[in-house]
Each structure stands twice: as structure tokens, then as C-alpha cells.
């Protein structure tokens, strides 16, 4: 029986860890989670905000996820979008999901992220 979603993993190109840290910690406000030593050798970064965990793993033949994406719930979505925009991140609002305000953005390596606030 599945009881919870533990984490979502996205891919990233080799050498992108500092850009990922700047975005996920500096812009999104997440905290970097330490990787176990055996996994740290592979590169990449793990981030968390409360119970939400995003793992970014290094992939040699990297292609950004343009359709697949995590959906991240946020509070005060207008202020959160403004925070991203102030950091130079493009925000694309979408009103197609009833009962939600939401927008899409891309991380620094091009992965699609959805931010939503149920109304």
C-alpha cells in the first residue's frame, strides 16, 4: 500500500550544482538536504521544504523535462510569483485548473515547475 510520496527526482546536466543551489535555495527558499556519502559521489543536489523533497540527479545526456513536472503548493502565490520574477525567473500564469491559482516557471537548467495555490 502506498502511503506517501517520498520525493520527486529531476535531472540536471553535469556541473550545474551551484546554479541549482542558487535557484532552489536562494530563489525558492528551500533548504539543501545532505546526500548520503555513497550517493554524493554521483553529484546532484537534494532540496526540501517541510515534507516536500526534490532531488536533482546528474544525467550525462541531459534533456530538461518540458512537460513532466512537480506541482508545488505555495501560499500567497502572487507574492511568490513576484519573488521569482524579481530574481529574473519568467512566470507563466495558467487559469485552466478550476479551484486553483497557478503558474509555471523553469529552473536554471530548463526543468518545468508548477506552483499552485488551491482556492
PDB file of N, CA and C in Angstrom:
ATOM      1  N   UNK A   1       0.835  -1.179   0.000  1.00  0.00           N
ATOM      2  CA  UNK A   1       0.000   0.000   0.000  1.00  0.00           C
ATOM      3  C   UNK A   1       0.883   1.246   0.000  1.00  0.00           C
ATOM      4  N   UNK A   2       0.655   2.152  -0.923  1.00  0.00           N
ATOM      5  CA  UNK A   2       1.396   3.414  -0.966  1.00  0.00           C
ATOM      6  C   UNK A   2       0.817   4.335   0.100  1.00  0.00           C
ATOM      7  N   UNK A   3       1.708   4.947   0.883  1.00  0.00           N
ATOM      8  CA  UNK A   3       1.251   5.811   1.969  1.00  0.00           C
ATOM      9  C   UNK A   3       1.623   7.277   1.780  1.00  0.00           C
ATOM     10  N   UNK A   4       2.618   7.563   0.946  1.00  0.00           N
ATOM     11  CA  UNK A   4       3.041   8.955   0.752  1.00  0.00           C
ATOM     12  C   UNK A   4       3.988   9.027  -0.432  1.00  0.00           C
ATOM     13  N   UNK A   5       4.166  10.207  -0.941  1.00  0.00           N
ATOM     14  CA  UNK A   5       5.188  10.466  -1.958  1.00  0.00           C
ATOM     15  C   UNK A   5       6.441  10.897  -1.218  1.00  0.00           C
ATOM     16  N   UNK A   6       7.516  10.162  -1.373  1.00  0.00           N
ATOM     17  CA  UNK A   6       8.751  10.460  -0.649  1.00  0.00           C
ATOM     18  C   UNK A   6       9.512  11.627  -1.269  1.00  0.00           C
ATOM     19  N   UNK A   7       9.691  11.598  -2.588  1.00  0.00           N
ATOM     20  CA  UNK A   7      10.404  12.680  -3.264  1.00  0.00           C
ATOM     21  C   UNK A   7      10.121  12.618  -4.762  1.00  0.00           C
ATOM     22  N   UNK A   8      10.488  13.674  -5.441  1.00  0.00           N
ATOM     23  CA  UNK A   8      10.444  13.726  -6.903  1.00  0.00           C
ATOM     24  C   UNK A   8      11.875  13.984  -7.355  1.00  0.00           C
ATOM     25  N   UNK A   9      12.325  13.252  -8.364  1.00  0.00           N
ATOM     26  CA  UNK A   9      13.659  13.484  -8.893  1.00  0.00           C
ATOM     27  C   UNK A   9      13.563  14.080 -10.284  1.00  0.00           C
ATOM     28  N   UNK A  10      14.347  15.129 -10.481  1.00  0.00           N
ATOM     29  CA  UNK A  10      14.517  15.751 -11.787  1.00  0.00           C
ATOM     30  C   UNK A  10      15.972  15.563 -12.191  1.00  0.00           C
ATOM     31  N   UNK A  11      16.241  15.677 -13.463  1.00  0.00           N
ATOM     32  CA  UNK A  11      17.607  15.546 -13.948  1.00  0.00           C
ATOM     33  C   UNK A  11      18.224  16.924 -14.148  1.00  0.00           C
ATOM     34  N   UNK A  12      19.551  16.955 -14.180  1.00  0.00           N
ATOM     35  CA  UNK A  12      20.306  18.182 -14.401  1.00  0.00           C
ATOM     36  C   UNK A  12      21.612  17.820 -15.104  1.00  0.00           C
ATOM     37  N   UNK A  13      22.188  18.772 -15.831  1.00  0.00           N
ATOM     38  CA  UNK A  13      23.439  18.464 -16.531  1.00  0.00           C
ATOM     39  C   UNK A  13      24.641  18.488 -15.588  1.00  0.00           C
ATOM     40  N   UNK A  14      25.705  17.807 -15.971  1.00  0.00           N
ATOM     41  CA  UNK A  14      26.928  17.827 -15.161  1.00  0.00           C
ATOM     42  C   UNK A  14      27.396  19.264 -14.917  1.00  0.00           C
ATOM     43  N   UNK A  15      27.863  19.523 -13.706  1.00  0.00           N
ATOM     44  CA  UNK A  15      28.421  20.829 -13.368  1.00  0.00           C
ATOM     45  C   UNK A  15      27.403  21.906 -13.037  1.00  0.00           C
ATOM     46  N   UNK A  16      26.135  21.557 -12.888  1.00  0.00           N
ATOM     47  CA  UNK A  16      25.094  22.567 -12.662  1.00  0.00           C
ATOM     48  C   UNK A  16      24.735  22.767 -11.195  1.00  0.00           C
ATOM     49  N   UNK A  17      25.413  22.095 -10.294  1.00  0.00           N
ATOM     50  CA  UNK A  17      25.019  22.118  -8.880  1.00  0.00           C
ATOM     51  C   UNK A  17      24.948  23.525  -8.294  1.00  0.00           C
ATOM     52  N   UNK A  18      25.892  24.391  -8.582  1.00  0.00           N
ATOM     53  CA  UNK A  18      25.866  25.741  -7.995  1.00  0.00           C
ATOM     54  C   UNK A  18      24.675  26.549  -8.505  1.00  0.00           C
ATOM     55  N   UNK A  19      24.340  26.415  -9.782  1.00  0.00           N
ATOM     56  CA  UNK A  19      23.140  27.095 -10.311  1.00  0.00           C
ATOM     57  C   UNK A  19      21.878  26.549  -9.656  1.00  0.00           C
ATOM     58  N   UNK A  20      21.843  25.237  -9.435  1.00  0.00           N
ATOM     59  CA  UNK A  20      20.692  24.624  -8.775  1.00  0.00           C
ATOM     60  C   UNK A  20      20.554  25.137  -7.345  1.00  0.00           C
ATOM     61  N   UNK A  21      21.661  25.195  -6.619  1.00  0.00           N
ATOM     62  CA  UNK A  21      21.624  25.715  -5.240  1.00  0.00           C
ATOM     63  C   UNK A  21      21.146  27.165  -5.213  1.00  0.00           C
ATOM     64  N   UNK A  22      21.661  27.979  -6.116  1.00  0.00           N
ATOM     65  CA  UNK A  22      21.261  29.387  -6.155  1.00  0.00           C
ATOM     66  C   UNK A  22      19.759  29.520  -6.382  1.00  0.00           C
ATOM     67  N   UNK A  23      19.188  28.667  -7.211  1.00  0.00           N
ATOM     68  CA  UNK A  23      17.771  28.738  -7.527  1.00  0.00           C
ATOM     69  C   UNK A  23      16.902  28.115  -6.433  1.00  0.00           C
ATOM     70  N   UNK A  24      17.154  26.857  -6.113  1.00  0.00           N
ATOM     71  CA  UNK A  24      16.274  26.152  -5.186  1.00  0.00           C
ATOM     72  C   UNK A  24      16.382  26.687  -3.752  1.00  0.00           C
ATOM     73  N   UNK A  25      17.561  27.117  -3.338  1.00  0.00           N
ATOM     74  CA  UNK A  25      17.724  27.686  -2.000  1.00  0.00           C
ATOM     75  C   UNK A  25      17.504  29.196  -2.049  1.00  0.00           C
ATOM     76  N   UNK A  26      18.243  29.882  -2.920  1.00  0.00           N
ATOM     77  CA  UNK A  26      18.208  31.338  -2.944  1.00  0.00           C
ATOM     78  C   UNK A  26      16.918  31.933  -3.448  1.00  0.00           C
ATOM     79  N   UNK A  27      16.318  31.342  -4.471  1.00  0.00           N
ATOM     80  CA  UNK A  27      15.095  31.894  -5.065  1.00  0.00           C
ATOM     81  C   UNK A  27      13.853  31.234  -4.472  1.00  0.00           C
ATOM     82  N   UNK A  28      13.795  29.903  -4.473  1.00  0.00           N
ATOM     83  CA  UNK A  28      12.595  29.217  -3.993  1.00  0.00           C
ATOM     84  C   UNK A  28      12.516  29.146  -2.472  1.00  0.00           C
ATOM     85  N   UNK A  29      13.632  29.316  -1.778  1.00  0.00           N
ATOM     86  CA  UNK A  29      13.602  29.293  -0.321  1.00  0.00           C
ATOM     87  C   UNK A  29      13.633  27.903   0.287  1.00  0.00           C
ATOM     88  N   UNK A  30      14.059  26.913  -0.489  1.00  0.00           N
ATOM     89  CA  UNK A  30      14.176  25.554   0.040  1.00  0.00           C
ATOM     90  C   UNK A  30      15.490  25.431   0.808  1.00  0.00           C
ATOM     91  N   UNK A  31      15.677  24.316   1.477  1.00  0.00           N
ATOM     92  CA  UNK A  31      16.907  24.018   2.207  1.00  0.00           C
ATOM     93  C   UNK A  31      17.589  22.854   1.514  1.00  0.00           C
ATOM     94  N   UNK A  32      18.912  22.939   1.375  1.00  0.00           N
ATOM     95  CA  UNK A  32      19.618  21.792   0.801  1.00  0.00           C
ATOM     96  C   UNK A  32      19.703  20.691   1.845  1.00  0.00           C
ATOM     97  N   UNK A  33      19.362  19.482   1.445  1.00  0.00           N
ATOM     98  CA  UNK A  33      19.434  18.306   2.316  1.00  0.00           C
ATOM     99  C   UNK A  33      20.707  17.540   1.966  1.00  0.00           C
ATOM    100  N   UNK A  34      21.452  17.103   2.964  1.00  0.00           N
ATOM    101  CA  UNK A  34      22.673  16.356   2.661  1.00  0.00           C
ATOM    102  C   UNK A  34      22.356  15.011   2.016  1.00  0.00           C
ATOM    103  N   UNK A  35      23.175  14.656   1.045  1.00  0.00           N
ATOM    104  CA  UNK A  35      23.038  13.345   0.406  1.00  0.00           C
ATOM    105  C   UNK A  35      23.914  12.346   1.157  1.00  0.00           C
ATOM    106  N   UNK A  36      23.483  11.100   1.245  1.00  0.00           N
ATOM    107  CA  UNK A  36      24.356  10.080   1.836  1.00  0.00           C
ATOM    108  C   UNK A  36      25.669  10.010   1.045  1.00  0.00           C
ATOM    109  N   UNK A  37      26.762   9.735   1.736  1.00  0.00           N
ATOM    110  CA  UNK A  37      28.085   9.760   1.121  1.00  0.00           C
ATOM    111  C   UNK A  37      28.157   8.900  -0.142  1.00  0.00           C
ATOM    112  N   UNK A  38      27.561   7.724  -0.109  1.00  0.00           N
ATOM    113  CA  UNK A  38      27.614   6.838  -1.280  1.00  0.00           C
ATOM    114  C   UNK A  38      26.924   7.456  -2.487  1.00  0.00           C
ATOM    115  N   UNK A  39      25.910   8.296  -2.259  1.00  0.00           N
ATOM    116  CA  UNK A  39      25.195   8.944  -3.362  1.00  0.00           C
ATOM    117  C   UNK A  39      25.804  10.287  -3.734  1.00  0.00           C
ATOM    118  N   UNK A  40      26.472  10.938  -2.807  1.00  0.00           N
ATOM    119  CA  UNK A  40      27.058  12.254  -3.057  1.00  0.00           C
ATOM    120  C   UNK A  40      28.102  12.197  -4.167  1.00  0.00           C
ATOM    121  N   UNK A  41      28.767  11.073  -4.315  1.00  0.00           N
ATOM    122  CA  UNK A  41      29.784  10.927  -5.370  1.00  0.00           C
ATOM    123  C   UNK A  41      29.201  11.074  -6.765  1.00  0.00           C
ATOM    124  N   UNK A  42      27.900  10.845  -6.885  1.00  0.00           N
ATOM    125  CA  UNK A  42      27.243  10.929  -8.195  1.00  0.00           C
ATOM    126  C   UNK A  42      26.944  12.365  -8.612  1.00  0.00           C
ATOM    127  N   UNK A  43      27.129  13.306  -7.698  1.00  0.00           N
ATOM    128  CA  UNK A  43      26.797  14.698  -7.986  1.00  0.00           C
ATOM    129  C   UNK A  43      25.323  14.946  -7.762  1.00  0.00           C
ATOM    130  N   UNK A  44      24.883  16.125  -8.121  1.00  0.00           N
ATOM    131  CA  UNK A  44      23.494  16.496  -7.937  1.00  0.00           C
ATOM    132  C   UNK A  44      23.247  17.076  -6.557  1.00  0.00           C
ATOM    133  N   UNK A  45      22.007  17.441  -6.291  1.00  0.00           N
ATOM    134  CA  UNK A  45      21.626  18.089  -5.035  1.00  0.00           C
ATOM    135  C   UNK A  45      20.244  17.621  -4.624  1.00  0.00           C
ATOM    136  N   UNK A  46      20.011  17.620  -3.324  1.00  0.00           N
ATOM    137  CA  UNK A  46      18.692  17.346  -2.768  1.00  0.00           C
ATOM    138  C   UNK A  46      18.215  18.580  -2.029  1.00  0.00           C
ATOM    139  N   UNK A  47      16.929  18.904  -2.179  1.00  0.00           N
ATOM    140  CA  UNK A  47      16.354  20.070  -1.524  1.00  0.00           C
ATOM    141  C   UNK A  47      15.060  19.686  -0.838  1.00  0.00           C
ATOM    142  N   UNK A  48      14.709  20.451   0.203  1.00  0.00           N
ATOM    143  CA  UNK A  48      13.457  20.187   0.900  1.00  0.00           C
ATOM    144  C   UNK A  48      12.855  21.478   1.420  1.00  0.00           C
ATOM    145  N   UNK A  49      11.535  21.438   1.561  1.00  0.00           N
ATOM    146  CA  UNK A  49      10.755  22.498   2.196  1.00  0.00           C
ATOM    147  C   UNK A  49       9.633  21.778   2.933  1.00  0.00           C
ATOM    148  N   UNK A  50       9.719  21.706   4.243  1.00  0.00           N
ATOM    149  CA  UNK A  50       8.757  20.918   5.001  1.00  0.00           C
ATOM    150  C   UNK A  50       8.852  19.463   4.580  1.00  0.00           C
ATOM    151  N   UNK A  51       7.719  18.859   4.220  1.00  0.00           N
ATOM    152  CA  UNK A  51       7.699  17.457   3.797  1.00  0.00           C
ATOM    153  C   UNK A  51       8.017  17.281   2.314  1.00  0.00           C
ATOM    154  N   UNK A  52       8.165  18.368   1.581  1.00  0.00           N
ATOM    155  CA  UNK A  52       8.428  18.307   0.139  1.00  0.00           C
ATOM    156  C   UNK A  52       9.920  18.098  -0.101  1.00  0.00           C
ATOM    157  N   UNK A  53      10.245  17.089  -0.913  1.00  0.00           N
ATOM    158  CA  UNK A  53      11.642  16.827  -1.267  1.00  0.00           C
ATOM    159  C   UNK A  53      11.786  16.775  -2.781  1.00  0.00           C
ATOM    160  N   UNK A  54      12.761  17.516  -3.286  1.00  0.00           N
ATOM    161  CA  UNK A  54      13.127  17.460  -4.702  1.00  0.00           C
ATOM    162  C   UNK A  54      14.583  17.024  -4.780  1.00  0.00           C
ATOM    163  N   UNK A  55      14.843  15.998  -5.569  1.00  0.00           N
ATOM    164  CA  UNK A  55      16.200  15.528  -5.803  1.00  0.00           C
ATOM    165  C   UNK A  55      16.553  15.879  -7.242  1.00  0.00           C
ATOM    166  N   UNK A  56      17.715  16.439  -7.440  1.00  0.00           N
ATOM    167  CA  UNK A  56      18.189  16.712  -8.794  1.00  0.00           C
ATOM    168  C   UNK A  56      19.432  15.881  -9.024  1.00  0.00           C
ATOM    169  N   UNK A  57      19.299  14.921  -9.933  1.00  0.00           N
ATOM    170  CA  UNK A  57      20.381  14.000 -10.233  1.00  0.00           C
ATOM    171  C   UNK A  57      21.073  14.368 -11.530  1.00  0.00           C
ATOM    172  N   UNK A  58      22.355  14.129 -11.570  1.00  0.00           N
ATOM    173  CA  UNK A  58      23.149  14.460 -12.747  1.00  0.00           C
ATOM    174  C   UNK A  58      22.955  13.391 -13.818  1.00  0.00           C
ATOM    175  N   UNK A  59      22.711  13.872 -15.030  1.00  0.00           N
ATOM    176  CA  UNK A  59      22.500  12.991 -16.173  1.00  0.00           C
ATOM    177  C   UNK A  59      23.405  13.463 -17.306  1.00  0.00           C
ATOM    178  N   UNK A  60      24.287  12.595 -17.738  1.00  0.00           N
ATOM    179  CA  UNK A  60      25.268  12.970 -18.775  1.00  0.00           C
ATOM    180  C   UNK A  60      24.590  13.483 -20.042  1.00  0.00           C
ATOM    181  N   UNK A  61      23.583  12.783 -20.521  1.00  0.00           N
ATOM    182  CA  UNK A  61      22.883  13.170 -21.747  1.00  0.00           C
ATOM    183  C   UNK A  61      21.591  13.914 -21.368  1.00  0.00           C
ATOM    184  N   UNK A  62      21.745  14.982 -20.612  1.00  0.00           N
ATOM    185  CA  UNK A  62      20.615  15.704 -20.030  1.00  0.00           C
ATOM    186  C   UNK A  62      19.725  16.370 -21.067  1.00  0.00           C
ATOM    187  N   UNK A  63      18.417  16.214 -20.850  1.00  0.00           N
ATOM    188  CA  UNK A  63      17.396  16.991 -21.562  1.00  0.00           C
ATOM    189  C   UNK A  63      16.388  17.434 -20.515  1.00  0.00           C
ATOM    190  N   UNK A  64      16.073  18.710 -20.495  1.00  0.00           N
ATOM    191  CA  UNK A  64      15.149  19.251 -19.496  1.00  0.00           C
ATOM    192  C   UNK A  64      13.761  18.646 -19.649  1.00  0.00           C
ATOM    193  N   UNK A  65      13.092  18.456 -18.516  1.00  0.00           N
ATOM    194  CA  UNK A  65      11.702  17.987 -18.508  1.00  0.00           C
ATOM    195  C   UNK A  65      10.814  19.175 -18.853  1.00  0.00           C
ATOM    196  N   UNK A  66      10.270  19.188 -20.063  1.00  0.00           N
ATOM    197  CA  UNK A  66       9.455  20.327 -20.504  1.00  0.00           C
ATOM    198  C   UNK A  66       7.969  20.100 -20.274  1.00  0.00           C
ATOM    199  N   UNK A  67       7.529  18.873 -20.148  1.00  0.00           N
ATOM    200  CA  UNK A  67       6.122  18.571 -19.881  1.00  0.00           C
ATOM    201  C   UNK A  67       5.967  17.973 -18.481  1.00  0.00           C
ATOM    202  N   UNK A  68       6.737  16.935 -18.187  1.00  0.00           N
ATOM    203  CA  UNK A  68       6.703  16.349 -16.842  1.00  0.00           C
ATOM    204  C   UNK A  68       7.190  17.394 -15.846  1.00  0.00           C
ATOM    205  N   UNK A  69       6.577  17.401 -14.653  1.00  0.00           N
ATOM    206  CA  UNK A  69       6.948  18.425 -13.673  1.00  0.00           C
ATOM    207  C   UNK A  69       6.384  18.089 -12.303  1.00  0.00           C
ATOM    208  N   UNK A  70       7.036  18.595 -11.248  1.00  0.00           N
ATOM    209  CA  UNK A  70       6.411  18.534  -9.934  1.00  0.00           C
ATOM    210  C   UNK A  70       5.439  19.695  -9.796  1.00  0.00           C
ATOM    211  N   UNK A  71       4.369  19.475  -9.078  1.00  0.00           N
ATOM    212  CA  UNK A  71       3.422  20.538  -8.734  1.00  0.00           C
ATOM    213  C   UNK A  71       3.656  20.908  -7.284  1.00  0.00           C
ATOM    214  N   UNK A  72       4.077  22.140  -7.035  1.00  0.00           N
ATOM    215  CA  UNK A  72       4.439  22.587  -5.695  1.00  0.00           C
ATOM    216  C   UNK A  72       3.385  23.539  -5.152  1.00  0.00           C
ATOM    217  N   UNK A  73       2.756  23.175  -4.054  1.00  0.00           N
ATOM    218  CA  UNK A  73       1.766  24.060  -3.437  1.00  0.00           C
ATOM    219  C   UNK A  73       2.488  25.172  -2.687  1.00  0.00           C
ATOM    220  N   UNK A  74       1.976  26.377  -2.854  1.00  0.00           N
ATOM    221  CA  UNK A  74       2.548  27.537  -2.174  1.00  0.00           C
ATOM    222  C   UNK A  74       1.429  28.342  -1.532  1.00  0.00           C
ATOM    223  N   UNK A  75       1.797  29.184  -0.599  1.00  0.00           N
ATOM    224  CA  UNK A  75       0.855  30.133  -0.024  1.00  0.00           C
ATOM    225  C   UNK A  75       1.185  31.505  -0.585  1.00  0.00           C
ATOM    226  N   UNK A  76       0.207  32.398  -0.608  1.00  0.00           N
ATOM    227  CA  UNK A  76       0.389  33.756  -1.114  1.00  0.00           C
ATOM    228  C   UNK A  76       1.069  33.724  -2.486  1.00  0.00           C
ATOM    229  N   UNK A  77       0.406  33.067  -3.411  1.00  0.00           N
ATOM    230  CA  UNK A  77       1.007  32.772  -4.716  1.00  0.00           C
ATOM    231  C   UNK A  77       1.421  34.022  -5.487  1.00  0.00           C
ATOM    232  N   UNK A  78       0.682  35.111  -5.337  1.00  0.00           N
ATOM    233  CA  UNK A  78       1.056  36.337  -6.050  1.00  0.00           C
ATOM    234  C   UNK A  78       2.416  36.851  -5.576  1.00  0.00           C
ATOM    235  N   UNK A  79       2.629  36.843  -4.249  1.00  0.00           N
ATOM    236  CA  UNK A  79       3.922  37.279  -3.707  1.00  0.00           C
ATOM    237  C   UNK A  79       5.036  36.308  -4.097  1.00  0.00           C
ATOM    238  N   UNK A  80       4.706  35.030  -4.132  1.00  0.00           N
ATOM    239  CA  UNK A  80       5.713  34.036  -4.503  1.00  0.00           C
ATOM    240  C   UNK A  80       6.130  34.226  -5.967  1.00  0.00           C
ATOM    241  N   UNK A  81       5.158  34.488  -6.845  1.00  0.00           N
ATOM    242  CA  UNK A  81       5.471  34.757  -8.252  1.00  0.00           C
ATOM    243  C   UNK A  81       6.327  36.009  -8.369  1.00  0.00           C
ATOM    244  N   UNK A  82       5.990  37.044  -7.601  1.00  0.00           N
ATOM    245  CA  UNK A  82       6.775  38.281  -7.633  1.00  0.00           C
ATOM    246  C   UNK A  82       8.208  38.023  -7.175  1.00  0.00           C
ATOM    247  N   UNK A  83       8.374  37.158  -6.197  1.00  0.00           N
ATOM    248  CA  UNK A  83       9.716  36.795  -5.716  1.00  0.00           C
ATOM    249  C   UNK A  83      10.535  36.176  -6.837  1.00  0.00           C
ATOM    250  N   UNK A  84       9.920  35.250  -7.574  1.00  0.00           N
ATOM    251  CA  UNK A  84      10.630  34.622  -8.684  1.00  0.00           C
ATOM    252  C   UNK A  84      10.966  35.645  -9.768  1.00  0.00           C
ATOM    253  N   UNK A  85       9.993  36.475 -10.117  1.00  0.00           N
ATOM    254  CA  UNK A  85      10.212  37.475 -11.160  1.00  0.00           C
ATOM    255  C   UNK A  85      11.307  38.458 -10.766  1.00  0.00           C
ATOM    256  N   UNK A  86      11.362  38.848  -9.504  1.00  0.00           N
ATOM    257  CA  UNK A  86      12.404  39.764  -9.030  1.00  0.00           C
ATOM    258  C   UNK A  86      13.791  39.141  -9.156  1.00  0.00           C
ATOM    259  N   UNK A  87      13.848  37.820  -9.202  1.00  0.00           N
ATOM    260  CA  UNK A  87      15.116  37.105  -9.381  1.00  0.00           C
ATOM    261  C   UNK A  87      15.401  36.797 -10.845  1.00  0.00           C
ATOM    262  N   UNK A  88      14.561  37.321 -11.738  1.00  0.00           N
ATOM    263  CA  UNK A  88      14.779  37.119 -13.166  1.00  0.00           C
ATOM    264  C   UNK A  88      14.155  35.860 -13.735  1.00  0.00           C
ATOM    265  N   UNK A  89      13.295  35.205 -12.970  1.00  0.00           N
ATOM    266  CA  UNK A  89      12.649  33.975 -13.425  1.00  0.00           C
ATOM    267  C   UNK A  89      11.339  34.327 -14.125  1.00  0.00           C
ATOM    268  N   UNK A  90      11.156  33.839 -15.333  1.00  0.00           N
ATOM    269  CA  UNK A  90       9.911  34.068 -16.073  1.00  0.00           C
ATOM    270  C   UNK A  90       8.802  33.215 -15.458  1.00  0.00           C
ATOM    271  N   UNK A  91       7.641  33.828 -15.287  1.00  0.00           N
ATOM    272  CA  UNK A  91       6.474  33.179 -14.709  1.00  0.00           C
ATOM    273  C   UNK A  91       5.361  33.187 -15.751  1.00  0.00           C
ATOM    274  N   UNK A  92       4.742  32.025 -15.981  1.00  0.00           N
ATOM    275  CA  UNK A  92       3.625  31.934 -16.929  1.00  0.00           C
ATOM    276  C   UNK A  92       2.388  31.469 -16.177  1.00  0.00           C
ATOM    277  N   UNK A  93       1.429  32.393 -16.002  1.00  0.00           N
ATOM    278  CA  UNK A  93       0.189  32.085 -15.297  1.00  0.00           C
ATOM    279  C   UNK A  93      -0.706  31.215 -16.170  1.00  0.00           C
ATOM    280  N   UNK A  94      -1.487  30.346 -15.519  1.00  0.00           N
ATOM    281  CA  UNK A  94      -2.409  29.465 -16.220  1.00  0.00           C
ATOM    282  C   UNK A  94      -3.678  29.339 -15.381  1.00  0.00           C
ATOM    283  N   UNK A  95      -4.830  29.568 -16.009  1.00  0.00           N
ATOM    284  CA  UNK A  95      -6.098  29.533 -15.272  1.00  0.00           C
ATOM    285  C   UNK A  95      -6.951  28.310 -15.619  1.00  0.00           C
ATOM    286  N   UNK A  96      -6.369  27.296 -16.214  1.00  0.00           N
ATOM    287  CA  UNK A  96      -7.147  26.157 -16.702  1.00  0.00           C
ATOM    288  C   UNK A  96      -7.550  25.152 -15.629  1.00  0.00           C
ATOM    289  N   UNK A  97      -6.985  25.230 -14.423  1.00  0.00           N
ATOM    290  CA  UNK A  97      -7.312  24.265 -13.379  1.00  0.00           C
ATOM    291  C   UNK A  97      -8.328  24.889 -12.424  1.00  0.00           C
ATOM    292  N   UNK A  98      -9.583  24.430 -12.472  1.00  0.00           N
ATOM    293  CA  UNK A  98     -10.616  25.014 -11.601  1.00  0.00           C
ATOM    294  C   UNK A  98     -10.233  24.921 -10.123  1.00  0.00           C
ATOM    295  N   UNK A  99     -10.547  25.979  -9.395  1.00  0.00           N
ATOM    296  CA  UNK A  99     -10.313  25.994  -7.960  1.00  0.00           C
ATOM    297  C   UNK A  99      -8.881  26.253  -7.550  1.00  0.00           C
ATOM    298  N   UNK A 100      -8.035  26.652  -8.479  1.00  0.00           N
ATOM    299  CA  UNK A 100      -6.625  26.899  -8.170  1.00  0.00           C
ATOM    300  C   UNK A 100      -6.128  28.151  -8.889  1.00  0.00           C
ATOM    301  N   UNK A 101      -5.195  28.824  -8.283  1.00  0.00           N
ATOM    302  CA  UNK A 101      -4.367  29.794  -8.987  1.00  0.00           C
ATOM    303  C   UNK A 101      -3.057  29.071  -9.216  1.00  0.00           C
ATOM    304  N   UNK A 102      -2.481  29.220 -10.392  1.00  0.00           N
ATOM    305  CA  UNK A 102      -1.217  28.535 -10.639  1.00  0.00           C
ATOM    306  C   UNK A 102      -0.410  29.231 -11.712  1.00  0.00           C
ATOM    307  N   UNK A 103       0.892  28.956 -11.659  1.00  0.00           N
ATOM    308  CA  UNK A 103       1.797  29.418 -12.700  1.00  0.00           C
ATOM    309  C   UNK A 103       2.888  28.384 -12.902  1.00  0.00           C
ATOM    310  N   UNK A 104       3.556  28.511 -14.035  1.00  0.00           N
ATOM    311  CA  UNK A 104       4.687  27.649 -14.369  1.00  0.00           C
ATOM    312  C   UNK A 104       5.941  28.501 -14.456  1.00  0.00           C
ATOM    313  N   UNK A 105       7.063  27.882 -14.141  1.00  0.00           N
ATOM    314  CA  UNK A 105       8.369  28.514 -14.277  1.00  0.00           C
ATOM    315  C   UNK A 105       9.362  27.400 -14.606  1.00  0.00           C
ATOM    316  N   UNK A 106      10.559  27.801 -14.983  1.00  0.00           N
ATOM    317  CA  UNK A 106      11.611  26.830 -15.257  1.00  0.00           C
ATOM    318  C   UNK A 106      12.756  27.040 -14.292  1.00  0.00           C
ATOM    319  N   UNK A 107      13.384  25.933 -13.905  1.00  0.00           N
ATOM    320  CA  UNK A 107      14.581  26.053 -13.072  1.00  0.00           C
ATOM    321  C   UNK A 107      15.748  26.461 -13.976  1.00  0.00           C
ATOM    322  N   UNK A 108      16.935  26.703 -13.435  1.00  0.00           N
ATOM    323  CA  UNK A 108      18.026  27.229 -14.267  1.00  0.00           C
ATOM    324  C   UNK A 108      18.548  26.278 -15.339  1.00  0.00           C
ATOM    325  N   UNK A 109      18.139  25.011 -15.299  1.00  0.00           N
ATOM    326  CA  UNK A 109      18.559  24.081 -16.347  1.00  0.00           C
ATOM    327  C   UNK A 109      17.410  23.737 -17.286  1.00  0.00           C
ATOM    328  N   UNK A 110      16.263  24.397 -17.097  1.00  0.00           N
ATOM    329  CA  UNK A 110      15.146  24.247 -18.025  1.00  0.00           C
ATOM    330  C   UNK A 110      14.039  23.305 -17.606  1.00  0.00           C
ATOM    331  N   UNK A 111      14.121  22.699 -16.428  1.00  0.00           N
ATOM    332  CA  UNK A 111      13.048  21.819 -15.965  1.00  0.00           C
ATOM    333  C   UNK A 111      11.802  22.640 -15.636  1.00  0.00           C
ATOM    334  N   UNK A 112      10.647  22.120 -16.028  1.00  0.00           N
ATOM    335  CA  UNK A 112       9.366  22.783 -15.767  1.00  0.00           C
ATOM    336  C   UNK A 112       8.929  22.538 -14.326  1.00  0.00           C
ATOM    337  N   UNK A 113       8.458  23.593 -13.668  1.00  0.00           N
ATOM    338  CA  UNK A 113       7.923  23.508 -12.312  1.00  0.00           C
ATOM    339  C   UNK A 113       6.557  24.184 -12.308  1.00  0.00           C
ATOM    340  N   UNK A 114       5.605  23.576 -11.615  1.00  0.00           N
ATOM    341  CA  UNK A 114       4.267  24.163 -11.456  1.00  0.00           C
ATOM    342  C   UNK A 114       4.113  24.598 -10.013  1.00  0.00           C
ATOM    343  N   UNK A 115       3.609  25.805  -9.807  1.00  0.00           N
ATOM    344  CA  UNK A 115       3.346  26.340  -8.477  1.00  0.00           C
ATOM    345  C   UNK A 115       1.844  26.603  -8.408  1.00  0.00           C
ATOM    346  N   UNK A 116       1.185  26.066  -7.365  1.00  0.00           N
ATOM    347  CA  UNK A 116      -0.262  26.233  -7.290  1.00  0.00           C
ATOM    348  C   UNK A 116      -0.735  26.497  -5.880  1.00  0.00           C
ATOM    349  N   UNK A 117      -1.859  27.205  -5.821  1.00  0.00           N
ATOM    350  CA  UNK A 117      -2.482  27.580  -4.566  1.00  0.00           C
ATOM    351  C   UNK A 117      -3.968  27.286  -4.697  1.00  0.00           C
ATOM    352  N   UNK A 118      -4.477  26.242  -4.000  1.00  0.00           N
ATOM    353  CA  UNK A 118      -5.903  25.935  -4.066  1.00  0.00           C
ATOM    354  C   UNK A 118      -6.736  27.110  -3.534  1.00  0.00           C
ATOM    355  N   UNK A 119      -7.832  27.372  -4.203  1.00  0.00           N
ATOM    356  CA  UNK A 119      -8.718  28.481  -3.770  1.00  0.00           C
ATOM    357  C   UNK A 119     -10.035  27.926  -3.317  1.00  0.00           C
TER     358      UNK A 119
END
